[in-house]
Protein backbone atom coordinates (compact mmCIF):
# COMPACT_ATOMS: atom_id res chain seq x y z
CA MET A 1 128.08 112.14 80.34
CA SER A 2 125.82 113.17 83.30
CA GLU A 3 126.27 109.80 85.10
CA ALA A 4 130.12 109.88 84.65
CA LEU A 5 130.20 113.58 85.96
CA ILE A 6 128.11 112.61 88.94
CA ALA A 7 130.47 109.63 89.77
CA LEU A 8 133.48 112.02 89.63
CA LEU A 9 131.91 114.51 91.90
CA ALA A 10 130.51 111.88 94.14
CA ASP A 11 133.69 112.13 96.49
CA GLY A 12 132.61 115.52 97.89
CA GLU A 13 136.03 117.00 97.02
CA PHE A 14 136.69 120.05 94.61
CA HIS A 15 137.38 119.38 90.99
CA SER A 16 138.39 121.99 88.48
CA GLY A 17 136.51 122.41 85.20
CA GLU A 18 139.75 121.56 83.31
CA GLU A 19 140.27 118.40 85.39
CA LEU A 20 136.77 117.35 84.62
CA GLY A 21 136.94 117.98 81.09
CA GLU A 22 140.24 116.10 80.78
CA VAL A 23 138.73 112.93 82.44
CA LEU A 24 135.67 113.14 80.44
CA GLY A 25 137.11 113.99 77.22
CA VAL A 26 135.12 117.03 76.41
CA SER A 27 135.80 120.78 76.70
CA ARG A 28 135.14 122.85 79.85
CA THR A 29 132.10 124.50 77.89
CA ALA A 30 130.54 121.07 77.86
CA VAL A 31 131.33 120.48 81.37
CA TRP A 32 129.56 123.66 82.29
CA LYS A 33 126.48 122.70 80.41
CA GLN A 34 126.51 119.22 82.07
CA LEU A 35 126.92 120.94 85.62
CA GLN A 36 123.75 122.89 84.83
CA LYS A 37 121.84 119.73 84.21
CA LEU A 38 123.15 118.36 87.77
CA SER A 39 121.51 121.44 89.22
CA ALA A 40 118.30 120.74 87.51
CA LEU A 41 118.29 117.24 89.41
CA GLY A 42 118.35 118.94 92.63
CA LEU A 43 121.94 118.46 93.47
CA GLU A 44 123.59 121.09 95.51
CA LEU A 45 126.77 122.24 93.57
CA GLU A 46 129.16 124.35 95.17
CA SER A 47 131.41 126.62 92.97
CA VAL A 48 134.69 128.20 94.36
CA LYS A 49 136.88 130.37 92.11
CA GLY A 50 140.28 128.74 91.75
CA ARG A 51 139.13 125.47 93.22
CA GLY A 52 136.38 124.22 90.93
CA TYR A 53 133.11 122.45 91.79
CA ARG A 54 132.05 119.96 94.46
CA LEU A 55 128.85 118.17 95.69
CA GLU A 56 128.42 119.16 99.19
CA GLY A 57 128.58 116.04 101.41
CA GLY A 58 129.42 113.78 98.42
CA LEU A 59 127.13 110.90 97.10
CA GLU A 60 127.19 107.24 97.35
CA LEU A 61 125.59 106.00 94.23
CA PHE A 62 124.22 102.40 93.87
CA SER A 63 126.65 100.01 92.43
CA PRO A 64 126.42 96.43 91.52
CA ALA A 65 129.91 95.74 92.73
CA ALA A 66 129.34 97.51 96.12
CA LEU A 67 125.93 95.63 96.51
CA ARG A 68 127.58 92.16 96.09
CA SER A 69 130.21 92.97 98.68
CA PHE A 70 127.31 93.40 101.32
CA LEU A 71 125.64 90.10 100.31
CA PRO A 72 126.16 86.61 101.47
CA GLU A 73 127.85 84.14 99.33
CA GLY A 74 125.20 82.54 96.78
CA LYS A 75 122.99 85.60 96.74
CA SER A 76 124.79 87.85 94.05
CA GLY A 77 121.71 86.79 91.79
CA LEU A 78 119.68 89.44 93.61
CA VAL A 79 122.09 91.90 92.03
CA ASP A 80 121.78 90.25 88.57
CA GLN A 81 118.03 90.94 88.60
CA LEU A 82 118.49 94.67 89.55
CA ASN A 83 118.00 97.56 87.23
CA ILE A 84 119.52 100.67 88.32
CA PHE A 85 118.24 103.97 86.96
CA LEU A 86 119.63 107.39 87.43
CA GLN A 87 116.33 109.01 87.19
CA THR A 88 112.81 107.80 86.35
CA ASP A 89 109.19 109.11 86.99
CA SER A 90 108.82 106.30 89.63
CA THR A 91 110.09 102.67 90.05
CA ASN A 92 106.68 101.37 90.32
CA SER A 93 106.06 102.85 86.73
CA GLU A 94 109.30 101.14 85.55
CA ALA A 95 108.04 97.72 87.05
CA ALA A 96 104.65 98.26 85.27
CA LYS A 97 106.41 98.93 81.97
CA GLN A 98 108.09 95.62 82.32
CA ILE A 99 104.85 93.83 83.00
CA ALA A 100 103.28 95.14 79.92
CA LYS A 101 106.21 93.78 77.92
CA ALA A 102 106.41 90.27 79.32
CA SER A 103 106.26 88.01 82.31
CA ALA A 104 108.09 90.11 84.93
CA HIS A 105 108.08 87.78 87.97
CA GLY A 106 111.14 88.84 90.19
CA TYR A 107 112.00 92.09 88.25
CA CYS A 108 113.44 94.63 90.45
CA CYS A 109 114.62 98.16 89.98
CA VAL A 110 116.01 101.11 91.99
CA ALA A 111 116.49 104.78 91.07
CA GLU A 112 118.71 107.39 92.22
CA GLN A 113 115.83 109.92 91.88
CA GLN A 114 112.05 109.70 91.19
CA THR A 115 110.50 112.93 89.60
CA ALA A 116 106.88 111.67 90.36
CA GLY A 117 107.48 109.31 93.36
CA ARG A 118 104.03 108.48 95.13
CA GLY A 119 102.89 106.91 98.45
CA ARG A 120 99.46 105.51 99.43
CA ARG A 121 96.48 107.14 98.40
CA GLY A 122 98.15 109.21 95.77
CA ARG A 123 100.32 111.13 98.00
CA GLN A 124 103.62 112.59 96.76
CA TRP A 125 106.68 110.70 97.85
CA LEU A 126 109.63 113.06 98.18
CA SER A 127 112.52 111.67 96.29
CA PRO A 128 115.79 113.55 96.30
CA PHE A 129 118.59 112.47 94.07
CA GLY A 130 121.14 110.05 95.54
CA ARG A 131 120.00 110.36 99.11
CA ASN A 132 117.34 107.76 99.93
CA LEU A 133 116.06 104.26 98.62
CA TYR A 134 113.31 103.82 95.95
CA LEU A 135 112.85 100.22 95.17
CA SER A 136 110.23 98.20 93.17
CA LYS A 137 109.95 94.36 92.80
CA VAL A 138 107.45 92.37 90.84
CA TRP A 139 105.86 89.15 92.32
CA GLU A 140 103.49 86.92 90.58
CA PHE A 141 100.60 85.19 92.43
CA GLU A 142 98.14 82.69 91.22
CA HIS A 143 94.92 83.26 93.22
CA GLY A 144 94.31 86.92 92.66
CA ALA A 145 93.68 89.72 95.23
CA SER A 146 92.57 87.10 97.88
CA ALA A 147 96.32 85.82 97.95
CA LEU A 148 97.65 89.38 98.88
CA GLU A 149 95.73 89.86 102.06
CA GLY A 150 98.34 91.25 104.54
CA LEU A 151 100.99 91.54 101.92
CA SER A 152 101.95 95.12 102.72
CA LEU A 153 102.37 94.22 106.37
CA SER A 154 104.66 91.41 105.55
CA VAL A 155 106.76 93.76 103.23
CA GLY A 156 107.00 96.23 106.09
CA LEU A 157 108.24 93.49 108.30
CA ALA A 158 110.95 92.59 105.62
CA VAL A 159 112.28 96.22 105.70
CA LEU A 160 112.18 96.25 109.49
CA ARG A 161 114.14 92.99 109.62
CA ALA A 162 116.70 94.38 107.15
CA LEU A 163 117.27 97.46 109.10
CA ARG A 164 117.35 95.75 112.58
CA GLY A 165 119.94 93.52 111.13
CA LEU A 166 122.21 96.63 110.59
CA GLY A 167 121.85 97.74 114.00
CA VAL A 168 118.94 100.23 113.76
CA SER A 169 116.81 100.28 116.86
CA ASP A 170 113.73 102.01 118.12
CA LEU A 171 111.77 100.72 114.94
CA GLY A 172 108.03 100.15 114.84
CA LEU A 173 105.31 99.05 112.37
CA LYS A 174 102.19 101.15 111.92
CA TRP A 175 99.25 99.36 109.92
CA PRO A 176 99.17 98.91 107.02
CA ASN A 177 102.32 100.08 105.46
CA ASP A 178 104.63 102.27 107.33
CA ILE A 179 107.99 101.64 109.22
CA LEU A 180 108.56 104.16 111.96
CA LEU A 181 111.87 105.19 113.81
CA GLY A 182 111.55 106.67 117.20
CA GLY A 183 107.62 107.13 116.20
CA LYS A 184 108.33 109.03 112.94
CA LYS A 185 107.97 107.77 109.59
CA LEU A 186 111.23 106.23 108.16
CA ALA A 187 109.78 104.24 105.38
CA GLY A 188 106.50 103.31 103.61
CA ILE A 189 105.18 100.60 101.19
CA LEU A 190 102.95 101.09 98.18
CA LEU A 191 101.44 97.89 96.39
CA GLU A 192 99.80 97.98 92.79
CA MET A 193 98.24 95.11 91.34
CA GLN A 194 98.00 94.09 87.56
CA GLY A 195 96.47 91.27 85.91
CA ASP A 196 93.33 89.18 86.85
CA PRO A 197 92.13 90.07 90.37
CA ALA A 198 90.59 86.45 90.58
CA GLY A 199 93.40 84.65 88.93
CA VAL A 200 97.19 85.17 87.94
CA CYS A 201 98.17 88.72 88.86
CA GLN A 202 101.40 90.47 89.21
CA VAL A 203 101.90 92.83 92.22
CA ILE A 204 104.47 95.63 92.14
CA ILE A 205 105.95 96.09 95.53
CA GLY A 206 107.10 99.79 96.00
CA ILE A 207 109.49 100.52 98.87
CA GLY A 208 110.74 104.06 99.91
CA VAL A 209 113.16 104.70 103.00
CA ASN A 210 114.57 107.88 104.08
CA LEU A 211 118.28 107.32 104.28
CA ASP A 212 119.60 110.98 104.44
CA MET A 213 117.26 114.05 104.21
CA ARG A 214 119.90 116.53 105.48
CA PHE A 215 120.13 118.25 102.12
CA THR A 216 116.37 118.10 101.20
CA ASP A 217 113.60 120.74 101.63
CA THR A 218 111.24 118.96 103.89
CA SER A 219 108.87 121.97 104.59
CA ASP A 220 106.03 120.03 102.32
CA ILE A 221 106.08 116.77 104.43
CA ASP A 222 102.92 116.78 106.34
CA GLN A 223 103.97 114.29 109.19
CA PRO A 224 106.83 113.84 111.42
CA TRP A 225 109.67 111.92 109.60
CA ALA A 226 112.98 110.37 110.32
CA ASP A 227 116.17 109.25 108.39
CA LEU A 228 119.08 107.02 109.13
CA THR A 229 121.64 109.58 108.95
CA ALA A 230 122.75 108.95 112.80
CA PHE A 231 123.46 105.25 112.02
CA GLY A 232 126.17 105.93 109.41
CA LEU A 233 125.00 103.19 107.08
CA SER A 234 125.99 102.82 103.50
CA ARG A 235 123.22 103.14 100.89
CA ASN A 236 124.46 100.04 98.98
CA GLN A 237 124.60 98.28 102.45
CA VAL A 238 120.85 99.19 103.21
CA LEU A 239 119.78 98.08 99.68
CA ALA A 240 121.54 94.82 99.88
CA ALA A 241 119.90 93.97 103.20
CA VAL A 242 116.40 95.01 101.94
CA LEU A 243 116.79 93.03 98.90
CA LEU A 244 117.89 89.87 100.91
CA HIS A 245 115.10 90.21 103.38
CA LEU A 246 112.44 91.13 100.94
CA GLU A 247 113.28 88.07 98.94
CA GLU A 248 113.13 85.68 102.10
CA THR A 249 109.99 87.21 103.22
CA MET A 250 108.24 86.96 100.04
CA LEU A 251 109.02 83.30 99.81
CA GLU A 252 107.73 82.85 103.23
CA PHE A 253 104.51 84.80 102.33
CA ALA A 254 104.03 82.78 99.13
CA GLY A 255 103.96 79.74 101.09
CA GLN A 256 101.94 80.70 104.12
CA GLY A 257 100.44 84.12 103.63
CA PHE A 258 100.69 86.60 106.39
CA ALA A 259 99.96 84.16 109.10
CA ALA A 260 103.54 83.24 108.75
CA HIS A 261 104.55 86.63 110.02
CA ARG A 262 101.58 87.89 112.12
CA ASP A 263 103.10 86.92 115.60
CA GLU A 264 106.35 88.73 114.81
CA TRP A 265 104.57 91.83 113.19
CA ARG A 266 102.53 92.30 116.58
CA LYS A 267 105.73 92.63 118.47
CA PHE A 268 106.50 95.96 116.46
CA ASP A 269 102.84 97.09 116.38
CA ILE A 270 103.17 100.80 117.74
CA PHE A 271 99.29 101.20 117.93
CA ALA A 272 98.67 97.89 119.97
CA GLY A 273 96.18 98.72 122.68
CA ALA A 274 96.26 102.53 122.01
CA GLU A 275 93.35 104.81 121.63
CA VAL A 276 92.88 105.35 117.88
CA SER A 277 90.82 107.21 115.22
CA VAL A 278 89.88 105.19 112.10
CA GLN A 279 88.83 106.94 108.96
CA LEU A 280 86.21 105.16 107.01
CA GLY A 281 85.24 107.22 104.07
CA GLU A 282 84.31 110.60 105.29
CA ASN A 283 83.76 109.38 108.86
CA TRP A 284 86.13 109.05 111.76
CA LEU A 285 85.44 106.28 114.34
CA LEU A 286 87.07 106.30 117.82
CA GLY A 287 88.30 103.07 119.53
CA VAL A 288 91.18 101.08 120.83
CA ALA A 289 93.54 98.95 118.56
CA ASP A 290 93.48 95.34 119.13
CA GLY A 291 96.23 94.04 116.92
CA VAL A 292 95.92 92.29 113.51
CA GLU A 293 94.34 89.17 112.36
CA ARG A 294 95.81 86.29 110.38
CA ASP A 295 94.73 87.92 107.05
CA GLY A 296 96.37 91.37 108.00
CA ALA A 297 93.00 92.98 108.80
CA LEU A 298 93.07 95.64 111.63
CA ALA A 299 91.03 95.14 114.93
CA VAL A 300 89.70 98.00 116.62
CA VAL A 301 87.35 97.68 119.63
CA ILE A 302 84.60 100.46 119.05
CA ASP A 303 81.95 100.96 121.74
CA GLY A 304 82.56 97.33 123.12
CA GLU A 305 82.35 95.94 119.70
CA ARG A 306 85.58 94.29 118.11
CA ARG A 307 85.40 95.29 114.48
CA LEU A 308 87.84 94.56 111.50
CA PHE A 309 89.04 96.79 108.69
CA HIS A 310 91.11 96.10 105.68
CA GLY A 311 93.91 98.27 104.10
CA GLY A 312 92.14 99.76 101.09
CA GLU A 313 89.46 101.33 103.08
CA VAL A 314 90.75 102.90 106.16
CA SER A 315 93.49 105.36 107.68
CA LEU A 316 94.62 105.05 111.08
CA ARG A 317 95.83 107.66 113.64
CA ARG A 318 96.70 107.85 117.25
CA ARG A 319 94.36 109.79 119.40
CA HIS A 320 95.73 112.69 121.38
CA GLY A 321 94.19 114.18 124.41
């Protein structure tokens, strides 16, 4: 019943307990108990005597019908493959469960909320209900880890392509897995591999995009962030665009690797030519960023020597002062 109740309140208007009970076919007491569960989801419920309850700002839930309306003709299959969860620990975990059951190539899922969303290096990914985009997709590769070089960069480019197509400007890419808006983090990529590192393997592609952070406590976020509120985009519109461009980009990557995307990626590289600090284990190295290689490796000139770094071993920051 929680999902049906959320759908009724999603318009942001006041609804009385009596009205909600009649529509749902339950008592007002049962409605009240379900409303408490919504509060536990982190939804901000406003209660006014004589008027009822409402969700401030309303919600736009993911909907197969809405998604199809934003996709080109012949692409509705992307929605047929999609699993929509009201709540899960993380969409990457759901994808991993699917891999454990059977061949999962093409499996895709989104969630309205993650209770244990995670980013790169085990960091928490803040995942409020019904506000942002949390997506995972499974892709199978035949040649193990070596075939995945530069994949996070290509996925980031897919997200950037999707957003630019919707009119979002001032976007940039930060090696190896971030999409920035106005120099602040808008979206991130998390890749997790299962299977044979030297043979057939499945990669879980996790994508998180900040769509609307207005109603979220962001005090624990340790870096500048951005969302898409100012662009007035529909959540379903953004998801449809990401699904479409991710599929196209992955097909390109499967055929040619990151080399197919390198030149385009470099156009949006926010660190190109900048003084940077590279964290290698416990050490920080100072140098000048010099773009990326065909395999996605980061090039940095350090003390006159051009060195290459790969995603699993380094963290990159712009030097200040």
